[in-house]
């Protein structure tokens, strides 16, 4: 009978635990999309952060095939999980008078203009930051893939493109707040998941 190498056993154990953690996190964030239960998101975060901290202190080699599985699970968890997380953070941070529009943006009062005629004119709210959900999915996908591929500098390009594309819609304080908070929450989640996968594949 051949002796069992302790490093191999440790690698297999850690690999199984990592896959299980990301599967659990993915299931929890999918459930959180349908429920307003913050505990689900907190549990999903724990399933990502805990192994991240372990891998940061212990160097373990995982098999290449496990690395591919982790990369796929990590990308899915980063992209899908950011949606309920960002929505929850925006709901907590936004004032009560911020209303969402039909296109996924927010309704804001346009900037007042000098009226040619006397008398108050009725001003209707306009929707800004439309398509934020789709942009968030693409943003997190780009960020997590950049980290896994070992090219984190691409994150700066992603944020720059998003900022330039949204610049004309950031005239009001409500739009600026929502843009900054949503972007940062999305980036933190995607970077955390991407960091976990990158550390496992080092």
N, C-alpha and C. Protein backbone atom coordinates (compact mmCIF):
# COMPACT_ATOMS: atom_id res chain seq x y z
N UNK A 1 0.85 -1.19 0.00
CA UNK A 1 0.00 0.00 0.00
C UNK A 1 0.89 1.24 0.00
N UNK A 2 0.58 2.17 -0.90
CA UNK A 2 1.39 3.39 -1.03
C UNK A 2 1.07 4.35 0.11
N UNK A 3 2.09 5.04 0.63
CA UNK A 3 1.84 6.02 1.69
C UNK A 3 1.07 7.21 1.14
N UNK A 4 0.22 7.76 1.96
CA UNK A 4 -0.61 8.90 1.55
C UNK A 4 0.12 10.19 1.89
N UNK A 5 0.31 11.01 0.87
CA UNK A 5 0.99 12.30 1.07
C UNK A 5 0.03 13.26 1.77
N UNK A 6 0.51 13.84 2.88
CA UNK A 6 -0.33 14.76 3.65
C UNK A 6 -0.72 15.99 2.87
N UNK A 7 0.18 16.49 2.01
CA UNK A 7 -0.14 17.69 1.24
C UNK A 7 -1.24 17.43 0.22
N UNK A 8 -1.26 16.19 -0.32
CA UNK A 8 -2.31 15.83 -1.28
C UNK A 8 -3.67 15.77 -0.58
N UNK A 9 -3.68 15.15 0.60
CA UNK A 9 -4.92 15.07 1.37
C UNK A 9 -5.42 16.46 1.72
N UNK A 10 -4.49 17.33 2.14
CA UNK A 10 -4.87 18.70 2.48
C UNK A 10 -5.41 19.44 1.26
N UNK A 11 -4.75 19.25 0.10
CA UNK A 11 -5.21 19.90 -1.12
C UNK A 11 -6.60 19.46 -1.54
N UNK A 12 -6.85 18.14 -1.44
CA UNK A 12 -8.17 17.62 -1.80
C UNK A 12 -9.23 18.14 -0.83
N UNK A 13 -8.91 18.13 0.46
CA UNK A 13 -9.86 18.60 1.46
C UNK A 13 -10.21 20.07 1.26
N UNK A 14 -9.19 20.88 1.04
CA UNK A 14 -9.42 22.30 0.82
C UNK A 14 -10.20 22.54 -0.47
N UNK A 15 -9.88 21.79 -1.51
CA UNK A 15 -10.58 21.94 -2.79
C UNK A 15 -12.06 21.64 -2.64
N UNK A 16 -12.37 20.53 -1.96
CA UNK A 16 -13.78 20.17 -1.74
C UNK A 16 -14.48 21.25 -0.91
N UNK A 17 -13.78 21.74 0.13
CA UNK A 17 -14.38 22.77 0.98
C UNK A 17 -14.62 24.06 0.21
N UNK A 18 -13.70 24.43 -0.69
CA UNK A 18 -13.86 25.65 -1.49
C UNK A 18 -15.04 25.54 -2.44
N UNK A 19 -15.12 24.41 -3.12
CA UNK A 19 -16.25 24.20 -4.04
C UNK A 19 -17.57 24.24 -3.29
N UNK A 20 -17.61 23.56 -2.14
CA UNK A 20 -18.83 23.53 -1.33
C UNK A 20 -19.20 24.93 -0.85
N UNK A 21 -18.20 25.72 -0.46
CA UNK A 21 -18.46 27.08 0.02
C UNK A 21 -19.04 27.96 -1.08
N UNK A 22 -18.46 27.87 -2.28
CA UNK A 22 -18.97 28.69 -3.38
C UNK A 22 -20.35 28.23 -3.84
N UNK A 23 -20.59 26.93 -3.82
CA UNK A 23 -21.93 26.42 -4.16
C UNK A 23 -22.95 26.94 -3.15
N UNK A 24 -22.60 26.87 -1.86
CA UNK A 24 -23.50 27.36 -0.82
C UNK A 24 -23.75 28.86 -0.98
N UNK A 25 -22.69 29.62 -1.27
CA UNK A 25 -22.85 31.07 -1.45
C UNK A 25 -23.74 31.37 -2.65
N UNK A 26 -23.56 30.64 -3.73
CA UNK A 26 -24.38 30.85 -4.94
C UNK A 26 -25.84 30.54 -4.67
N UNK A 27 -26.11 29.44 -3.99
CA UNK A 27 -27.50 29.08 -3.66
C UNK A 27 -28.13 30.15 -2.77
N UNK A 28 -27.39 30.63 -1.79
CA UNK A 28 -27.93 31.63 -0.87
C UNK A 28 -28.22 32.95 -1.57
N UNK A 29 -27.34 33.37 -2.49
CA UNK A 29 -27.61 34.65 -3.18
C UNK A 29 -28.77 34.50 -4.15
N UNK A 30 -28.94 33.31 -4.72
CA UNK A 30 -30.11 33.10 -5.58
C UNK A 30 -31.40 33.17 -4.76
N UNK A 31 -31.36 32.61 -3.56
CA UNK A 31 -32.53 32.71 -2.67
C UNK A 31 -32.76 34.15 -2.23
N UNK A 32 -31.67 34.88 -2.02
CA UNK A 32 -31.78 36.27 -1.57
C UNK A 32 -32.38 37.17 -2.64
N UNK A 33 -32.28 36.77 -3.90
CA UNK A 33 -32.89 37.58 -4.97
C UNK A 33 -34.41 37.54 -4.89
N UNK A 34 -34.96 36.46 -4.33
CA UNK A 34 -36.41 36.33 -4.23
C UNK A 34 -36.94 36.73 -2.86
N UNK A 35 -36.05 36.90 -1.91
CA UNK A 35 -36.46 37.18 -0.54
C UNK A 35 -35.78 38.45 -0.06
N UNK A 36 -36.40 39.10 0.92
CA UNK A 36 -35.81 40.30 1.50
C UNK A 36 -35.04 39.98 2.77
N UNK A 37 -34.67 38.71 2.95
CA UNK A 37 -33.99 38.27 4.15
C UNK A 37 -32.51 38.62 4.08
N UNK A 38 -32.07 39.54 4.90
CA UNK A 38 -30.67 39.96 4.91
C UNK A 38 -29.76 38.85 5.44
N UNK A 39 -30.31 37.96 6.26
CA UNK A 39 -29.51 36.86 6.81
C UNK A 39 -28.96 35.96 5.71
N UNK A 40 -29.70 35.81 4.63
CA UNK A 40 -29.24 34.99 3.51
C UNK A 40 -27.98 35.60 2.89
N UNK A 41 -28.01 36.92 2.70
CA UNK A 41 -26.84 37.61 2.13
C UNK A 41 -25.65 37.56 3.09
N UNK A 42 -25.93 37.72 4.38
CA UNK A 42 -24.85 37.65 5.36
C UNK A 42 -24.21 36.27 5.37
N UNK A 43 -25.04 35.24 5.25
CA UNK A 43 -24.51 33.86 5.22
C UNK A 43 -23.70 33.63 3.96
N UNK A 44 -24.18 34.14 2.83
CA UNK A 44 -23.44 34.00 1.58
C UNK A 44 -22.09 34.70 1.69
N UNK A 45 -22.08 35.87 2.29
CA UNK A 45 -20.82 36.59 2.50
C UNK A 45 -19.86 35.81 3.38
N UNK A 46 -20.40 35.15 4.40
CA UNK A 46 -19.55 34.35 5.28
C UNK A 46 -18.93 33.17 4.54
N UNK A 47 -19.69 32.57 3.61
CA UNK A 47 -19.17 31.45 2.83
C UNK A 47 -18.10 31.88 1.82
N UNK A 48 -18.00 33.17 1.58
CA UNK A 48 -16.95 33.69 0.69
C UNK A 48 -15.76 34.22 1.49
N UNK A 49 -16.06 35.00 2.52
CA UNK A 49 -14.99 35.66 3.28
C UNK A 49 -14.18 34.67 4.12
N UNK A 50 -14.84 33.70 4.74
CA UNK A 50 -14.12 32.76 5.61
C UNK A 50 -13.05 31.98 4.86
N UNK A 51 -13.39 31.31 3.74
CA UNK A 51 -12.31 30.63 3.01
C UNK A 51 -11.26 31.58 2.43
N UNK A 52 -11.67 32.82 2.13
CA UNK A 52 -10.70 33.81 1.65
C UNK A 52 -9.64 34.08 2.72
N UNK A 53 -10.08 34.24 3.96
CA UNK A 53 -9.15 34.48 5.06
C UNK A 53 -8.26 33.27 5.31
N UNK A 54 -8.83 32.08 5.18
CA UNK A 54 -8.04 30.86 5.38
C UNK A 54 -6.97 30.74 4.31
N UNK A 55 -7.35 30.97 3.06
CA UNK A 55 -6.38 30.86 1.95
C UNK A 55 -5.31 31.94 2.02
N UNK A 56 -5.64 33.08 2.62
CA UNK A 56 -4.65 34.14 2.74
C UNK A 56 -3.55 33.78 3.72
N UNK A 57 -3.84 32.85 4.63
CA UNK A 57 -2.85 32.47 5.64
C UNK A 57 -2.23 31.10 5.40
N UNK A 58 -2.85 30.28 4.56
CA UNK A 58 -2.34 28.93 4.29
C UNK A 58 -2.18 28.75 2.79
N UNK A 59 -1.04 28.26 2.38
CA UNK A 59 -0.80 28.03 0.95
C UNK A 59 -1.12 26.59 0.60
N UNK A 60 -2.13 26.40 -0.23
CA UNK A 60 -2.56 25.07 -0.62
C UNK A 60 -2.72 25.04 -2.14
N UNK A 61 -2.22 23.98 -2.76
CA UNK A 61 -2.33 23.84 -4.21
C UNK A 61 -3.58 23.04 -4.55
N UNK A 62 -4.36 23.56 -5.48
CA UNK A 62 -5.53 22.83 -5.95
C UNK A 62 -5.27 22.34 -7.37
N UNK A 63 -5.93 21.26 -7.72
CA UNK A 63 -5.76 20.69 -9.06
C UNK A 63 -6.31 21.65 -10.11
N UNK A 64 -5.73 21.64 -11.33
CA UNK A 64 -6.21 22.55 -12.39
C UNK A 64 -7.69 22.40 -12.69
N UNK A 65 -8.20 21.17 -12.67
CA UNK A 65 -9.63 20.98 -12.96
C UNK A 65 -10.49 21.62 -11.87
N UNK A 66 -10.01 21.56 -10.63
CA UNK A 66 -10.73 22.22 -9.53
C UNK A 66 -10.67 23.73 -9.72
N UNK A 67 -9.54 24.23 -10.21
CA UNK A 67 -9.41 25.65 -10.48
C UNK A 67 -10.43 26.15 -11.50
N UNK A 68 -10.67 25.34 -12.52
CA UNK A 68 -11.67 25.71 -13.54
C UNK A 68 -13.06 25.76 -12.91
N UNK A 69 -13.37 24.75 -12.09
CA UNK A 69 -14.68 24.72 -11.42
C UNK A 69 -14.83 25.92 -10.50
N UNK A 70 -13.78 26.23 -9.75
CA UNK A 70 -13.82 27.39 -8.86
C UNK A 70 -14.00 28.69 -9.63
N UNK A 71 -13.33 28.80 -10.78
CA UNK A 71 -13.45 30.01 -11.60
C UNK A 71 -14.89 30.19 -12.09
N UNK A 72 -15.50 29.12 -12.54
CA UNK A 72 -16.89 29.19 -13.02
C UNK A 72 -17.85 29.53 -11.89
N UNK A 73 -17.69 28.83 -10.76
CA UNK A 73 -18.55 29.11 -9.61
C UNK A 73 -18.34 30.52 -9.09
N UNK A 74 -17.08 30.95 -9.06
CA UNK A 74 -16.77 32.29 -8.58
C UNK A 74 -17.37 33.36 -9.47
N UNK A 75 -17.27 33.18 -10.78
CA UNK A 75 -17.85 34.16 -11.70
C UNK A 75 -19.36 34.24 -11.53
N UNK A 76 -20.01 33.09 -11.41
CA UNK A 76 -21.47 33.07 -11.22
C UNK A 76 -21.86 33.72 -9.90
N UNK A 77 -21.13 33.41 -8.84
CA UNK A 77 -21.43 33.97 -7.53
C UNK A 77 -21.21 35.48 -7.50
N UNK A 78 -20.14 35.93 -8.14
CA UNK A 78 -19.85 37.36 -8.18
C UNK A 78 -20.91 38.12 -8.97
N UNK A 79 -21.28 37.60 -10.12
CA UNK A 79 -22.22 38.31 -10.99
C UNK A 79 -23.62 38.33 -10.40
N UNK A 80 -24.12 37.14 -10.01
CA UNK A 80 -25.49 37.04 -9.51
C UNK A 80 -25.61 37.60 -8.10
N UNK A 81 -24.61 37.32 -7.26
CA UNK A 81 -24.70 37.75 -5.87
C UNK A 81 -24.63 39.23 -5.66
N UNK A 82 -24.01 39.94 -6.58
CA UNK A 82 -23.92 41.39 -6.42
C UNK A 82 -25.25 42.10 -6.53
N UNK A 83 -26.20 41.51 -7.27
CA UNK A 83 -27.49 42.16 -7.48
C UNK A 83 -28.27 42.35 -6.18
N UNK A 84 -28.58 41.27 -5.43
CA UNK A 84 -29.33 41.51 -4.18
C UNK A 84 -28.53 42.30 -3.15
N UNK A 85 -27.21 42.13 -3.15
CA UNK A 85 -26.39 42.87 -2.20
C UNK A 85 -26.44 44.37 -2.47
N UNK A 86 -26.25 44.75 -3.72
CA UNK A 86 -26.28 46.17 -4.09
C UNK A 86 -27.66 46.77 -3.83
N UNK A 87 -28.70 46.02 -4.17
CA UNK A 87 -30.07 46.52 -3.93
C UNK A 87 -30.32 46.75 -2.44
N UNK A 88 -29.86 45.84 -1.61
CA UNK A 88 -30.06 45.96 -0.17
C UNK A 88 -29.30 47.17 0.38
N UNK A 89 -28.07 47.37 -0.08
CA UNK A 89 -27.27 48.49 0.39
C UNK A 89 -27.86 49.82 -0.09
N UNK A 90 -28.32 49.86 -1.34
CA UNK A 90 -28.93 51.08 -1.86
C UNK A 90 -30.22 51.42 -1.13
N UNK A 91 -31.00 50.39 -0.80
CA UNK A 91 -32.25 50.62 -0.07
C UNK A 91 -31.97 51.19 1.31
N UNK A 92 -30.90 50.72 1.95
CA UNK A 92 -30.56 51.21 3.28
C UNK A 92 -29.96 52.62 3.23
N UNK A 93 -29.25 52.93 2.15
CA UNK A 93 -28.55 54.21 2.07
C UNK A 93 -29.38 55.32 1.44
N UNK A 94 -30.36 54.96 0.62
CA UNK A 94 -31.13 55.98 -0.10
C UNK A 94 -32.20 56.60 0.79
N UNK A 95 -32.42 57.88 0.64
CA UNK A 95 -33.52 58.51 1.37
C UNK A 95 -34.87 57.98 0.89
N UNK A 96 -35.88 58.19 1.72
CA UNK A 96 -37.21 57.63 1.41
C UNK A 96 -37.85 58.25 0.18
N UNK A 97 -37.42 59.47 -0.19
CA UNK A 97 -38.07 60.14 -1.31
C UNK A 97 -37.49 59.72 -2.67
N UNK A 98 -36.50 58.83 -2.70
CA UNK A 98 -35.95 58.34 -3.96
C UNK A 98 -36.85 57.22 -4.48
N UNK A 99 -37.38 57.42 -5.67
CA UNK A 99 -38.28 56.43 -6.26
C UNK A 99 -37.62 55.78 -7.47
N UNK A 100 -37.84 54.48 -7.61
CA UNK A 100 -37.30 53.76 -8.77
C UNK A 100 -38.23 53.92 -9.96
N UNK A 101 -37.63 53.99 -11.15
CA UNK A 101 -38.40 54.11 -12.37
C UNK A 101 -38.64 52.76 -13.02
N UNK A 102 -39.39 52.76 -14.10
CA UNK A 102 -39.74 51.51 -14.78
C UNK A 102 -38.54 50.86 -15.45
N UNK A 103 -37.53 51.66 -15.79
CA UNK A 103 -36.35 51.13 -16.48
C UNK A 103 -35.21 50.74 -15.57
N UNK A 104 -35.48 50.66 -14.25
CA UNK A 104 -34.44 50.26 -13.32
C UNK A 104 -33.61 51.41 -12.78
N UNK A 105 -33.92 52.63 -13.20
CA UNK A 105 -33.19 53.79 -12.69
C UNK A 105 -33.95 54.44 -11.55
N UNK A 106 -33.64 55.72 -11.31
CA UNK A 106 -34.36 56.46 -10.28
C UNK A 106 -34.98 57.70 -10.91
N UNK A 107 -36.08 58.16 -10.29
CA UNK A 107 -36.77 59.34 -10.77
C UNK A 107 -36.26 60.56 -10.02
N UNK A 108 -35.78 61.55 -10.76
CA UNK A 108 -35.25 62.77 -10.15
C UNK A 108 -35.89 63.98 -10.83
N UNK A 109 -35.95 65.06 -10.07
CA UNK A 109 -36.46 66.31 -10.63
C UNK A 109 -35.37 66.94 -11.48
N UNK A 110 -35.68 67.34 -12.72
CA UNK A 110 -34.66 67.98 -13.56
C UNK A 110 -34.23 69.32 -12.99
N UNK A 111 -33.03 69.74 -13.38
CA UNK A 111 -32.51 71.02 -12.90
C UNK A 111 -33.40 72.15 -13.42
N UNK A 112 -33.73 73.13 -12.56
CA UNK A 112 -34.59 74.24 -13.00
C UNK A 112 -33.91 75.10 -14.05
N UNK A 113 -34.69 75.54 -15.00
CA UNK A 113 -34.18 76.43 -16.05
C UNK A 113 -34.92 77.76 -15.98
N UNK A 114 -34.29 78.76 -16.50
CA UNK A 114 -34.92 80.08 -16.53
C UNK A 114 -36.09 80.04 -17.51
N UNK A 115 -37.27 80.27 -17.02
CA UNK A 115 -38.47 80.20 -17.86
C UNK A 115 -38.67 81.53 -18.58
N UNK A 116 -39.03 81.43 -19.84
CA UNK A 116 -39.27 82.64 -20.63
C UNK A 116 -40.58 83.30 -20.23
N UNK A 117 -41.56 82.50 -19.87
CA UNK A 117 -42.85 83.06 -19.51
C UNK A 117 -42.99 83.07 -17.98
N UNK A 118 -43.79 83.96 -17.50
CA UNK A 118 -44.00 84.06 -16.06
C UNK A 118 -44.90 82.93 -15.58
N UNK A 119 -44.82 82.64 -14.31
CA UNK A 119 -45.68 81.60 -13.74
C UNK A 119 -44.94 80.28 -13.60
N UNK A 120 -45.27 79.52 -12.59
CA UNK A 120 -44.60 78.23 -12.37
C UNK A 120 -45.02 77.20 -13.41
N UNK A 121 -44.05 76.50 -13.92
CA UNK A 121 -44.34 75.44 -14.90
C UNK A 121 -44.26 74.09 -14.19
N UNK A 122 -45.11 73.19 -14.59
CA UNK A 122 -45.11 71.87 -13.98
C UNK A 122 -43.93 71.06 -14.53
N UNK A 123 -43.09 70.59 -13.62
CA UNK A 123 -41.90 69.85 -14.01
C UNK A 123 -42.08 68.38 -13.64
N UNK A 124 -41.95 67.50 -14.61
CA UNK A 124 -42.10 66.07 -14.35
C UNK A 124 -40.74 65.44 -14.09
N UNK A 125 -40.74 64.46 -13.21
CA UNK A 125 -39.50 63.76 -12.88
C UNK A 125 -39.03 62.96 -14.07
N UNK A 126 -37.73 62.87 -14.22
CA UNK A 126 -37.13 62.09 -15.30
C UNK A 126 -36.36 60.92 -14.70
N UNK A 127 -36.26 59.85 -15.45
CA UNK A 127 -35.55 58.68 -14.96
C UNK A 127 -34.10 58.70 -15.43
N UNK A 128 -33.18 58.56 -14.48
CA UNK A 128 -31.76 58.49 -14.80
C UNK A 128 -31.19 57.18 -14.29
N UNK A 129 -29.99 56.85 -14.75
CA UNK A 129 -29.30 55.60 -14.38
C UNK A 129 -30.10 54.37 -14.79
N UNK A 130 -30.74 54.46 -15.95
CA UNK A 130 -31.48 53.30 -16.46
C UNK A 130 -30.51 52.18 -16.80
N UNK A 131 -31.00 50.96 -16.72
CA UNK A 131 -30.19 49.80 -17.08
C UNK A 131 -29.10 49.47 -16.09
N UNK A 132 -29.23 49.97 -14.86
CA UNK A 132 -28.20 49.76 -13.86
C UNK A 132 -27.98 48.29 -13.52
N UNK A 133 -29.05 47.49 -13.54
CA UNK A 133 -28.92 46.07 -13.21
C UNK A 133 -28.06 45.35 -14.24
N UNK A 134 -28.32 45.58 -15.51
CA UNK A 134 -27.54 44.94 -16.57
C UNK A 134 -26.10 45.40 -16.54
N UNK A 135 -25.89 46.70 -16.35
CA UNK A 135 -24.53 47.23 -16.27
C UNK A 135 -23.79 46.62 -15.08
N UNK A 136 -24.51 46.45 -13.97
CA UNK A 136 -23.89 45.85 -12.79
C UNK A 136 -23.44 44.41 -13.04
N UNK A 137 -24.27 43.64 -13.75
CA UNK A 137 -23.89 42.26 -14.09
C UNK A 137 -22.60 42.25 -14.92
N UNK A 138 -22.56 43.09 -15.93
CA UNK A 138 -21.39 43.14 -16.81
C UNK A 138 -20.16 43.65 -16.07
N UNK A 139 -20.36 44.64 -15.23
CA UNK A 139 -19.26 45.20 -14.44
C UNK A 139 -18.63 44.12 -13.55
N UNK A 140 -19.47 43.40 -12.81
CA UNK A 140 -18.95 42.36 -11.90
C UNK A 140 -18.30 41.22 -12.66
N UNK A 141 -18.85 40.86 -13.82
CA UNK A 141 -18.24 39.81 -14.63
C UNK A 141 -16.85 40.23 -15.08
N UNK A 142 -16.73 41.47 -15.56
CA UNK A 142 -15.44 41.97 -16.00
C UNK A 142 -14.43 42.03 -14.86
N UNK A 143 -14.88 42.45 -13.67
CA UNK A 143 -13.98 42.58 -12.52
C UNK A 143 -13.49 41.21 -12.06
N UNK A 144 -14.40 40.26 -11.90
CA UNK A 144 -14.00 38.95 -11.39
C UNK A 144 -13.10 38.22 -12.40
N UNK A 145 -13.37 38.36 -13.68
CA UNK A 145 -12.52 37.73 -14.69
C UNK A 145 -11.14 38.39 -14.73
N UNK A 146 -11.10 39.70 -14.53
CA UNK A 146 -9.81 40.40 -14.51
C UNK A 146 -8.95 39.92 -13.35
N UNK A 147 -9.56 39.71 -12.20
CA UNK A 147 -8.81 39.25 -11.03
C UNK A 147 -8.35 37.81 -11.21
N UNK A 148 -9.24 36.96 -11.70
CA UNK A 148 -8.89 35.55 -11.90
C UNK A 148 -7.78 35.43 -12.95
N UNK A 149 -7.84 36.26 -13.98
CA UNK A 149 -6.83 36.21 -15.04
C UNK A 149 -5.51 36.86 -14.61
N UNK A 150 -5.49 37.47 -13.43
CA UNK A 150 -4.26 38.09 -12.95
C UNK A 150 -4.00 39.46 -13.56
N UNK A 151 -5.04 40.14 -13.99
CA UNK A 151 -4.89 41.47 -14.58
C UNK A 151 -5.84 42.46 -13.90
N UNK A 152 -5.61 42.73 -12.59
CA UNK A 152 -6.53 43.61 -11.87
C UNK A 152 -6.54 45.05 -12.36
N UNK A 153 -5.53 45.45 -13.14
CA UNK A 153 -5.51 46.82 -13.68
C UNK A 153 -6.71 47.08 -14.59
N UNK A 154 -7.30 46.01 -15.13
CA UNK A 154 -8.47 46.17 -16.00
C UNK A 154 -9.66 46.74 -15.25
N UNK A 155 -9.67 46.62 -13.91
CA UNK A 155 -10.78 47.15 -13.12
C UNK A 155 -10.87 48.66 -13.29
N UNK A 156 -9.71 49.32 -13.36
CA UNK A 156 -9.70 50.78 -13.56
C UNK A 156 -10.35 51.15 -14.89
N UNK A 157 -10.13 50.35 -15.91
CA UNK A 157 -10.74 50.60 -17.22
C UNK A 157 -12.25 50.43 -17.15
N UNK A 158 -12.68 49.38 -16.45
CA UNK A 158 -14.12 49.11 -16.32
C UNK A 158 -14.81 50.28 -15.61
N UNK A 159 -14.23 50.73 -14.51
CA UNK A 159 -14.83 51.84 -13.75
C UNK A 159 -14.81 53.12 -14.58
N UNK A 160 -13.73 53.35 -15.32
CA UNK A 160 -13.64 54.56 -16.15
C UNK A 160 -14.70 54.57 -17.23
N UNK A 161 -14.89 53.43 -17.90
CA UNK A 161 -15.90 53.36 -18.96
C UNK A 161 -17.30 53.60 -18.38
N UNK A 162 -17.56 52.99 -17.23
CA UNK A 162 -18.87 53.18 -16.60
C UNK A 162 -19.08 54.64 -16.20
N UNK A 163 -18.05 55.27 -15.64
CA UNK A 163 -18.17 56.66 -15.19
C UNK A 163 -18.38 57.61 -16.36
N UNK A 164 -17.65 57.39 -17.45
CA UNK A 164 -17.81 58.25 -18.63
C UNK A 164 -19.22 58.09 -19.22
N UNK A 165 -19.68 56.85 -19.26
CA UNK A 165 -21.01 56.59 -19.82
C UNK A 165 -22.13 57.18 -19.00
N UNK A 166 -21.91 57.31 -17.70
CA UNK A 166 -22.96 57.83 -16.80
C UNK A 166 -22.79 59.30 -16.47
N UNK A 167 -21.74 59.94 -16.95
CA UNK A 167 -21.39 61.29 -16.52
C UNK A 167 -22.55 62.28 -16.70
N UNK A 168 -23.22 62.21 -17.82
CA UNK A 168 -24.28 63.19 -18.10
C UNK A 168 -25.50 63.02 -17.22
N UNK A 169 -25.61 61.87 -16.53
CA UNK A 169 -26.78 61.60 -15.69
C UNK A 169 -26.52 61.91 -14.21
N UNK A 170 -25.34 62.41 -13.89
CA UNK A 170 -24.98 62.61 -12.48
C UNK A 170 -25.12 64.06 -12.04
N UNK A 171 -26.11 64.76 -12.58
CA UNK A 171 -26.28 66.17 -12.25
C UNK A 171 -26.88 66.37 -10.86
N UNK A 172 -27.68 65.42 -10.39
CA UNK A 172 -28.32 65.57 -9.08
C UNK A 172 -27.56 64.78 -8.02
N UNK A 173 -27.71 65.22 -6.76
CA UNK A 173 -27.01 64.55 -5.67
C UNK A 173 -27.52 63.12 -5.48
N UNK A 174 -28.82 62.90 -5.70
CA UNK A 174 -29.38 61.55 -5.54
C UNK A 174 -28.77 60.59 -6.55
N UNK A 175 -28.59 61.04 -7.78
CA UNK A 175 -27.99 60.19 -8.81
C UNK A 175 -26.52 59.91 -8.50
N UNK A 176 -25.79 60.94 -8.05
CA UNK A 176 -24.38 60.74 -7.71
C UNK A 176 -24.22 59.77 -6.55
N UNK A 177 -25.05 59.92 -5.52
CA UNK A 177 -24.99 59.03 -4.37
C UNK A 177 -25.25 57.59 -4.79
N UNK A 178 -26.31 57.40 -5.55
CA UNK A 178 -26.68 56.04 -5.96
C UNK A 178 -25.59 55.42 -6.83
N UNK A 179 -25.01 56.21 -7.71
CA UNK A 179 -23.95 55.72 -8.59
C UNK A 179 -22.74 55.28 -7.79
N UNK A 180 -22.30 56.12 -6.85
CA UNK A 180 -21.10 55.81 -6.08
C UNK A 180 -21.32 54.62 -5.16
N UNK A 181 -22.43 54.62 -4.42
CA UNK A 181 -22.70 53.53 -3.48
C UNK A 181 -22.88 52.21 -4.23
N UNK A 182 -23.66 52.23 -5.30
CA UNK A 182 -23.90 51.00 -6.06
C UNK A 182 -22.63 50.46 -6.68
N UNK A 183 -21.81 51.36 -7.24
CA UNK A 183 -20.56 50.92 -7.87
C UNK A 183 -19.60 50.32 -6.84
N UNK A 184 -19.44 50.99 -5.71
CA UNK A 184 -18.51 50.49 -4.69
C UNK A 184 -18.98 49.16 -4.12
N UNK A 185 -20.27 49.03 -3.84
CA UNK A 185 -20.78 47.76 -3.31
C UNK A 185 -20.58 46.64 -4.31
N UNK A 186 -20.84 46.92 -5.57
CA UNK A 186 -20.67 45.93 -6.62
C UNK A 186 -19.21 45.51 -6.75
N UNK A 187 -18.30 46.50 -6.71
CA UNK A 187 -16.87 46.21 -6.86
C UNK A 187 -16.33 45.42 -5.66
N UNK A 188 -16.75 45.78 -4.46
CA UNK A 188 -16.27 45.07 -3.26
C UNK A 188 -16.66 43.60 -3.32
N UNK A 189 -17.90 43.34 -3.69
CA UNK A 189 -18.37 41.94 -3.76
C UNK A 189 -17.60 41.17 -4.84
N UNK A 190 -17.49 41.74 -6.03
CA UNK A 190 -16.81 41.05 -7.13
C UNK A 190 -15.33 40.84 -6.81
N UNK A 191 -14.69 41.83 -6.20
CA UNK A 191 -13.27 41.70 -5.85
C UNK A 191 -13.06 40.65 -4.77
N UNK A 192 -13.99 40.56 -3.82
CA UNK A 192 -13.87 39.56 -2.75
C UNK A 192 -13.97 38.15 -3.32
N UNK A 193 -14.97 37.92 -4.16
CA UNK A 193 -15.12 36.58 -4.76
C UNK A 193 -13.95 36.29 -5.69
N UNK A 194 -13.56 37.26 -6.50
CA UNK A 194 -12.43 37.06 -7.39
C UNK A 194 -11.15 36.80 -6.65
N UNK A 195 -10.95 37.48 -5.53
CA UNK A 195 -9.76 37.26 -4.70
C UNK A 195 -9.72 35.86 -4.14
N UNK A 196 -10.88 35.34 -3.75
CA UNK A 196 -10.95 33.97 -3.23
C UNK A 196 -10.50 32.97 -4.29
N UNK A 197 -11.03 33.12 -5.50
CA UNK A 197 -10.68 32.19 -6.58
C UNK A 197 -9.20 32.34 -6.96
N UNK A 198 -8.73 33.58 -7.02
CA UNK A 198 -7.33 33.82 -7.40
C UNK A 198 -6.37 33.21 -6.38
N UNK A 199 -6.69 33.33 -5.09
CA UNK A 199 -5.84 32.74 -4.07
C UNK A 199 -5.86 31.23 -4.13
N UNK A 200 -7.00 30.66 -4.46
CA UNK A 200 -7.08 29.19 -4.57
C UNK A 200 -6.30 28.67 -5.75
N UNK A 201 -6.18 29.47 -6.80
CA UNK A 201 -5.53 29.02 -8.03
C UNK A 201 -4.06 29.43 -8.12
N UNK A 202 -3.53 30.07 -7.09
CA UNK A 202 -2.14 30.56 -7.16
C UNK A 202 -1.13 29.42 -7.20
